[in-house]
C-alpha cells in the first residue's frame, strides 16, 4: 500500500468513526489540483469525493453554501454533502460528478471550458457578502503575490514587477462584477463529459476543487488557464495533460476578444505576479523561469 492510499484509508476510517457514514474507499480521484481527493462509496452505492483541507470548517461551509446557490442557478459545480472536522484538519464530502479531466488540451477543449465558465455569469448578483478578489498590482498581498520576491530575483523579474506596478497605477484594485470566479481554473479542475472519450470533445460536466472562489469577473479565471496551459506546453510534465499549441492560440483569441486591453493588462499583471512569486518561493527555479517567459511574452501589448 503506497503512502497516499494509506493516508486516504486512515482519513476514511477517521470520518466513519466520527459520523457512522460507513464509507468505503474506492481509489484516488485523479482530479483536483489542490486537494488529495479520493473516491468513496456509500452503503447505498452512491459515489462521492472526499478531500482534506486545512481551512477552517466555517469557511469551507461558506464555500459549500455559495456553490449550492450557484448550482441552483445552473452552474456546473458539485454539491458539498458534508463538511466536518477530523483528526487532521477538516474534510469535504461532495457528490461525484460524471466525467474526467482532459488528458489532452486542444482548441476544442478550451472552447468547452470557456463555455462552462460562461455559465458562472451573474450567479452571485444577490450575494454581496462573497469575497471580491484583490489585484495586487500596487503592493504585495498578505503572504502571497509578493513584489519583493521579484525585486530580489534577477533583471527579468525586476522588469516584470516594474511593469506590474506601472499597470497598477491605472487599474482597479479589485475585480468587479457579480460572476462566480474560480481562482484555480486549470485542466485538472475541469471534468469533461464521457462523450469526449469517443473521439469528440464533450461538454464540461463539472468544475471542481473550489478551494478558492470569489465574486467578480468570471473571465479573470481564464488567465490562470492561459498561463498554466502554456506552462504545460513548455514543460510537458510526466502524468500531466498534454497541450496543443493551438489551445494557447485559441485562449489568446478569446481573451483579446472578450476583454478590453486595459483590463486584460491588469489581469495579466496580477496572474504574472501570483505565479512567478509562487514559483520562486515554492517551486524549482526552472518553473519560475518558465512562468517569467510566459509573463514577459505580452508585457509590451
Protein backbone atom coordinates (compact mmCIF):
# COMPACT_ATOMS: atom_id res chain seq x y z
CA UNK A 1 0.00 0.00 0.00
CA UNK A 2 1.53 3.36 -1.03
CA UNK A 3 1.63 6.39 1.28
CA UNK A 4 -1.23 8.22 -0.47
CA UNK A 5 -3.54 5.20 -0.24
CA UNK A 6 -2.57 4.67 3.38
CA UNK A 7 -3.39 8.30 4.26
CA UNK A 8 -6.68 8.07 2.39
CA UNK A 9 -7.65 4.87 4.20
CA UNK A 10 -6.90 6.46 7.59
CA UNK A 11 -8.95 9.51 6.60
CA UNK A 12 -11.97 7.41 5.63
CA UNK A 13 -11.70 5.35 8.83
CA UNK A 14 -11.48 8.52 10.93
CA UNK A 15 -14.53 10.05 9.23
CA UNK A 16 -16.54 6.83 9.57
CA UNK A 17 -15.72 6.62 13.28
CA UNK A 18 -16.92 10.18 13.82
CA UNK A 19 -20.04 10.12 11.63
CA UNK A 20 -21.14 6.49 11.20
CA UNK A 21 -21.33 7.00 7.42
CA UNK A 22 -19.70 3.64 6.66
CA UNK A 23 -17.93 4.96 3.56
CA UNK A 24 -15.72 2.64 1.54
CA UNK A 25 -12.56 3.88 -0.17
CA UNK A 26 -12.71 3.34 -3.94
CA UNK A 27 -9.45 4.96 -5.00
CA UNK A 28 -7.72 8.23 -5.93
CA UNK A 29 -9.94 10.69 -7.75
CA UNK A 30 -7.32 11.66 -10.32
CA UNK A 31 -8.56 15.25 -10.47
CA UNK A 32 -8.31 18.36 -8.36
CA UNK A 33 -5.12 20.38 -8.35
CA UNK A 34 -5.09 21.43 -4.71
CA UNK A 35 -6.65 18.69 -2.60
CA UNK A 36 -5.74 14.99 -2.38
CA UNK A 37 -9.19 13.86 -3.44
CA UNK A 38 -10.33 10.24 -3.30
CA UNK A 39 -13.46 8.47 -4.47
CA UNK A 40 -15.60 6.87 -1.78
CA UNK A 41 -18.82 4.85 -1.90
CA UNK A 42 -21.78 4.93 0.47
CA UNK A 43 -23.54 1.71 1.55
CA UNK A 44 -26.41 2.55 -0.86
CA UNK A 45 -23.97 2.61 -3.79
CA UNK A 46 -23.78 6.36 -4.27
CA UNK A 47 -20.28 7.62 -5.05
CA UNK A 48 -18.72 10.71 -3.55
CA UNK A 49 -15.44 12.59 -3.50
CA UNK A 50 -13.62 13.08 -0.21
CA UNK A 51 -10.91 15.71 0.20
CA UNK A 52 -8.93 17.08 3.09
CA UNK A 53 -8.49 20.79 3.82
CA UNK A 54 -6.50 22.93 6.24
CA UNK A 55 -9.08 25.74 6.03
CA UNK A 56 -11.48 26.38 8.92
CA UNK A 57 -14.71 24.40 8.83
CA UNK A 58 -16.78 27.58 8.87
CA UNK A 59 -15.07 28.88 5.75
CA UNK A 60 -15.50 25.53 3.98
CA UNK A 61 -19.20 25.52 4.80
CA UNK A 62 -19.44 29.02 3.36
CA UNK A 63 -17.88 27.73 0.13
CA UNK A 64 -20.37 24.86 0.07
CA UNK A 65 -23.26 27.28 0.58
CA UNK A 66 -22.05 29.53 -2.26
CA UNK A 67 -21.64 26.54 -4.58
CA UNK A 68 -25.12 25.25 -3.77
CA UNK A 69 -26.53 28.71 -4.50
CA UNK A 70 -24.68 28.76 -7.84
CA UNK A 71 -25.66 25.17 -8.61
CA UNK A 72 -29.34 26.04 -8.24
CA UNK A 73 -28.76 28.71 -10.90
CA UNK A 74 -27.21 26.36 -13.43
CA UNK A 75 -23.53 26.47 -12.55
CA UNK A 76 -21.70 23.16 -13.24
CA UNK A 77 -20.40 22.71 -9.70
CA UNK A 78 -20.65 19.85 -7.19
CA UNK A 79 -22.85 19.73 -4.10
CA UNK A 80 -20.97 19.62 -0.80
CA UNK A 81 -22.82 16.99 1.20
CA UNK A 82 -20.78 17.17 4.40
CA UNK A 83 -18.07 19.39 5.87
CA UNK A 84 -16.70 18.36 9.23
CA UNK A 85 -13.58 18.19 11.38
CA UNK A 86 -11.39 15.10 11.64
CA UNK A 87 -8.16 14.38 13.46
CA UNK A 88 -6.03 16.15 10.88
CA UNK A 89 -7.99 19.25 9.90
CA UNK A 90 -11.26 19.19 8.01
CA UNK A 91 -12.81 17.12 5.23
CA UNK A 92 -15.30 17.81 2.46
CA UNK A 93 -17.57 15.05 1.17
CA UNK A 94 -19.08 16.10 -2.14
CA UNK A 95 -21.10 14.45 -4.86
CA UNK A 96 -19.16 12.73 -7.62
CA UNK A 97 -19.89 14.37 -10.94
CA UNK A 98 -19.56 12.39 -14.18
CA UNK A 99 -16.59 12.78 -16.47
CA UNK A 100 -12.84 13.15 -16.11
CA UNK A 101 -10.22 15.87 -16.67
CA UNK A 102 -8.92 16.20 -20.23
CA UNK A 103 -5.79 14.22 -20.95
CA UNK A 104 -5.07 16.35 -24.00
CA UNK A 105 -5.95 20.04 -24.22
CA UNK A 106 -6.95 21.20 -27.70
CA UNK A 107 -8.67 24.31 -29.00
CA UNK A 108 -11.96 22.41 -28.76
CA UNK A 109 -11.29 21.62 -25.09
CA UNK A 110 -10.58 25.32 -24.49
CA UNK A 111 -13.91 26.19 -26.11
CA UNK A 112 -15.70 23.71 -23.84
CA UNK A 113 -14.04 25.15 -20.71
CA UNK A 114 -14.82 28.72 -21.74
CA UNK A 115 -18.45 27.77 -22.40
CA UNK A 116 -18.70 26.23 -18.93
CA UNK A 117 -17.11 29.31 -17.39
CA UNK A 118 -19.77 31.43 -19.08
CA UNK A 119 -22.39 29.58 -17.03
CA UNK A 120 -20.96 31.29 -13.93
CA UNK A 121 -22.01 34.73 -15.21
CA UNK A 122 -24.13 36.78 -12.84
CA UNK A 123 -24.94 33.94 -10.44
CA UNK A 124 -23.76 35.92 -7.38
CA UNK A 125 -25.75 39.09 -8.11
CA UNK A 126 -27.54 38.79 -4.76
CA UNK A 127 -24.56 37.51 -2.76
CA UNK A 128 -22.66 40.68 -1.95
CA UNK A 129 -21.02 39.04 1.08
CA UNK A 130 -18.88 36.76 -1.11
CA UNK A 131 -15.22 37.75 -1.17
CA UNK A 132 -14.11 40.04 -4.01
CA UNK A 133 -10.53 39.14 -5.07
CA UNK A 134 -7.91 41.87 -4.97
CA UNK A 135 -5.48 42.68 -7.77
CA UNK A 136 -2.11 43.08 -6.08
CA UNK A 137 -0.58 45.38 -8.67
CA UNK A 138 0.50 48.27 -6.48
CA UNK A 139 1.67 46.42 -3.38
CA UNK A 140 2.15 42.90 -2.08
CA UNK A 141 -0.62 40.72 -0.77
CA UNK A 142 -0.69 39.19 2.70
CA UNK A 143 1.73 36.30 2.30
CA UNK A 144 1.33 35.92 -1.46
CA UNK A 145 1.71 37.99 -4.62
CA UNK A 146 4.87 39.43 -3.09
CA UNK A 147 6.50 42.20 -5.14
CA UNK A 148 9.68 41.81 -3.08
CA UNK A 149 10.29 38.31 -4.42
CA UNK A 150 10.50 39.63 -7.97
CA UNK A 151 12.53 42.68 -6.88
CA UNK A 152 15.22 40.37 -5.49
CA UNK A 153 15.47 37.67 -8.16
CA UNK A 154 17.01 39.00 -11.39
CA UNK A 155 16.78 41.64 -14.09
CA UNK A 156 13.90 39.93 -15.88
CA UNK A 157 11.79 39.68 -12.74
CA UNK A 158 12.57 43.30 -11.85
CA UNK A 159 11.49 44.35 -15.34
CA UNK A 160 8.26 42.40 -14.87
CA UNK A 161 7.41 43.82 -11.44
CA UNK A 162 8.16 47.32 -12.67
CA UNK A 163 5.63 46.80 -15.47
CA UNK A 164 3.13 45.34 -12.99
CA UNK A 165 3.34 48.48 -10.83
CA UNK A 166 3.00 50.67 -13.89
CA UNK A 167 -0.15 48.81 -14.92
CA UNK A 168 -1.42 49.05 -11.35
CA UNK A 169 -1.28 52.82 -11.43
CA UNK A 170 -4.10 52.87 -13.99
CA UNK A 171 -6.02 49.75 -12.89
CA UNK A 172 -8.70 48.94 -10.30
CA UNK A 173 -7.61 47.36 -7.02
CA UNK A 174 -10.29 44.63 -7.06
CA UNK A 175 -12.31 42.59 -9.51
CA UNK A 176 -15.74 43.90 -10.40
CA UNK A 177 -18.88 42.02 -11.37
CA UNK A 178 -21.33 39.50 -9.97
CA UNK A 179 -19.96 36.31 -11.51
CA UNK A 180 -18.72 33.26 -9.63
CA UNK A 181 -14.96 33.19 -10.15
CA UNK A 182 -12.85 30.03 -9.86
CA UNK A 183 -9.39 31.11 -8.73
CA UNK A 184 -7.64 27.96 -9.95
CA UNK A 185 -9.23 27.16 -13.30
CA UNK A 186 -6.78 24.63 -14.74
CA UNK A 187 -7.41 21.45 -16.77
CA UNK A 188 -7.19 19.19 -13.72
CA UNK A 189 -10.12 21.02 -12.14
CA UNK A 190 -12.43 20.55 -15.11
CA UNK A 191 -14.42 17.39 -15.88
CA UNK A 192 -15.39 16.61 -19.46
CA UNK A 193 -18.50 14.62 -20.31
CA UNK A 194 -17.61 11.00 -21.12
CA UNK A 195 -18.67 11.67 -24.74
CA UNK A 196 -15.25 13.25 -25.12
CA UNK A 197 -13.59 9.84 -24.86
CA UNK A 198 -15.30 8.63 -28.04
CA UNK A 199 -13.46 10.86 -30.50
CA UNK A 200 -15.14 14.20 -29.84
CA UNK A 201 -14.91 16.72 -27.03
CA UNK A 202 -17.98 16.53 -24.85
CA UNK A 203 -19.29 19.44 -22.81
CA UNK A 204 -17.90 20.19 -19.36
CA UNK A 205 -19.81 18.17 -16.77
CA UNK A 206 -18.30 19.93 -13.79
CA UNK A 207 -15.79 22.41 -12.45
CA UNK A 208 -14.30 21.14 -9.20
CA UNK A 209 -11.78 21.93 -6.44
CA UNK A 210 -13.21 25.25 -5.28
CA UNK A 211 -10.59 25.89 -2.61
CA UNK A 212 -10.50 29.46 -3.88
CA UNK A 213 -13.52 31.32 -5.18
CA UNK A 214 -14.67 34.89 -5.41
CA UNK A 215 -17.26 37.27 -6.78
CA UNK A 216 -16.23 39.36 -9.76
CA UNK A 217 -15.44 38.86 -13.43
CA UNK A 218 -15.57 35.20 -14.49
CA UNK A 219 -13.13 35.94 -17.34
CA UNK A 220 -10.38 36.58 -14.79
CA UNK A 221 -10.24 32.79 -14.31
CA UNK A 222 -9.17 32.33 -17.93
CA UNK A 223 -5.82 33.97 -17.21
CA UNK A 224 -4.77 31.15 -14.87
CA UNK A 225 -5.91 28.67 -17.53
CA UNK A 226 -3.83 30.50 -20.17
CA UNK A 227 -0.67 30.60 -18.05
CA UNK A 228 -0.94 27.02 -16.86
CA UNK A 229 -1.61 25.61 -20.31
CA UNK A 230 1.45 27.48 -21.63
CA UNK A 231 3.46 26.07 -18.71
CA UNK A 232 2.30 22.53 -19.51
CA UNK A 233 3.18 23.02 -23.17
CA UNK A 234 6.67 24.17 -22.25
CA UNK A 235 7.43 21.57 -19.57
CA UNK A 236 5.43 18.51 -20.69
CA UNK A 237 5.34 17.05 -17.15
CA UNK A 238 5.02 13.31 -16.67
CA UNK A 239 1.46 12.48 -15.75
CA UNK A 240 0.16 15.92 -16.68
CA UNK A 241 -2.16 16.65 -19.60
CA UNK A 242 -0.57 17.43 -22.93
CA UNK A 243 -1.41 20.74 -24.61
CA UNK A 244 -1.66 21.60 -28.29
CA UNK A 245 -0.15 24.97 -29.31
CA UNK A 246 -3.50 25.76 -30.93
CA UNK A 247 -5.08 25.72 -27.47
CA UNK A 248 -2.88 28.67 -26.45
CA UNK A 249 -3.74 30.49 -29.66
CA UNK A 250 -7.44 29.96 -29.01
CA UNK A 251 -7.17 31.26 -25.46
CA UNK A 252 -5.37 34.39 -26.66
CA UNK A 253 -8.07 34.98 -29.28
CA UNK A 254 -10.77 34.65 -26.62
CA UNK A 255 -9.01 36.94 -24.15
CA UNK A 256 -8.36 39.59 -26.80
CA UNK A 257 -11.97 39.42 -27.95
CA UNK A 258 -13.68 39.35 -24.55
CA UNK A 259 -11.57 41.80 -22.55
CA UNK A 260 -10.67 45.40 -23.31
CA UNK A 261 -6.88 45.91 -23.49
CA UNK A 262 -6.59 47.77 -20.17
CA UNK A 263 -8.45 45.09 -18.22
CA UNK A 264 -6.51 42.31 -19.92
CA UNK A 265 -3.24 44.01 -18.92
CA UNK A 266 -4.42 44.24 -15.31
CA UNK A 267 -5.43 40.58 -15.21
CA UNK A 268 -2.22 39.53 -16.96
CA UNK A 269 -0.15 41.56 -14.50
CA UNK A 270 -1.81 40.01 -11.43
CA UNK A 271 -1.52 36.46 -12.76
CA UNK A 272 2.13 37.04 -13.68
CA UNK A 273 2.90 38.28 -10.17
CA UNK A 274 0.99 35.46 -8.50
CA UNK A 275 2.61 32.61 -10.42
CA UNK A 276 6.16 33.95 -10.65
CA UNK A 277 6.20 34.83 -6.94
CA UNK A 278 4.79 31.40 -6.01
CA UNK A 279 7.24 29.53 -8.24
CA UNK A 280 10.24 31.46 -6.93
CA UNK A 281 9.33 30.78 -3.31
CA UNK A 282 7.95 27.24 -3.55
CA UNK A 283 8.97 25.56 -6.77
CA UNK A 284 12.07 24.64 -8.74
CA UNK A 285 13.81 27.64 -10.32
CA UNK A 286 13.12 26.28 -13.80
CA UNK A 287 9.40 26.59 -13.13
CA UNK A 288 9.87 30.24 -12.24
CA UNK A 289 11.86 30.76 -15.43
CA UNK A 290 9.05 29.26 -17.50
CA UNK A 291 6.47 31.49 -15.83
CA UNK A 292 8.73 34.50 -16.40
CA UNK A 293 8.89 33.58 -20.09
CA UNK A 294 5.11 33.40 -20.26
CA UNK A 295 4.57 36.62 -18.29
CA UNK A 296 7.05 38.65 -20.35
CA UNK A 297 5.62 37.42 -23.66
CA UNK A 298 2.84 40.02 -23.60
CA UNK A 299 4.02 42.89 -21.43
CA UNK A 300 4.59 45.19 -24.39
CA UNK A 301 0.96 44.86 -25.53
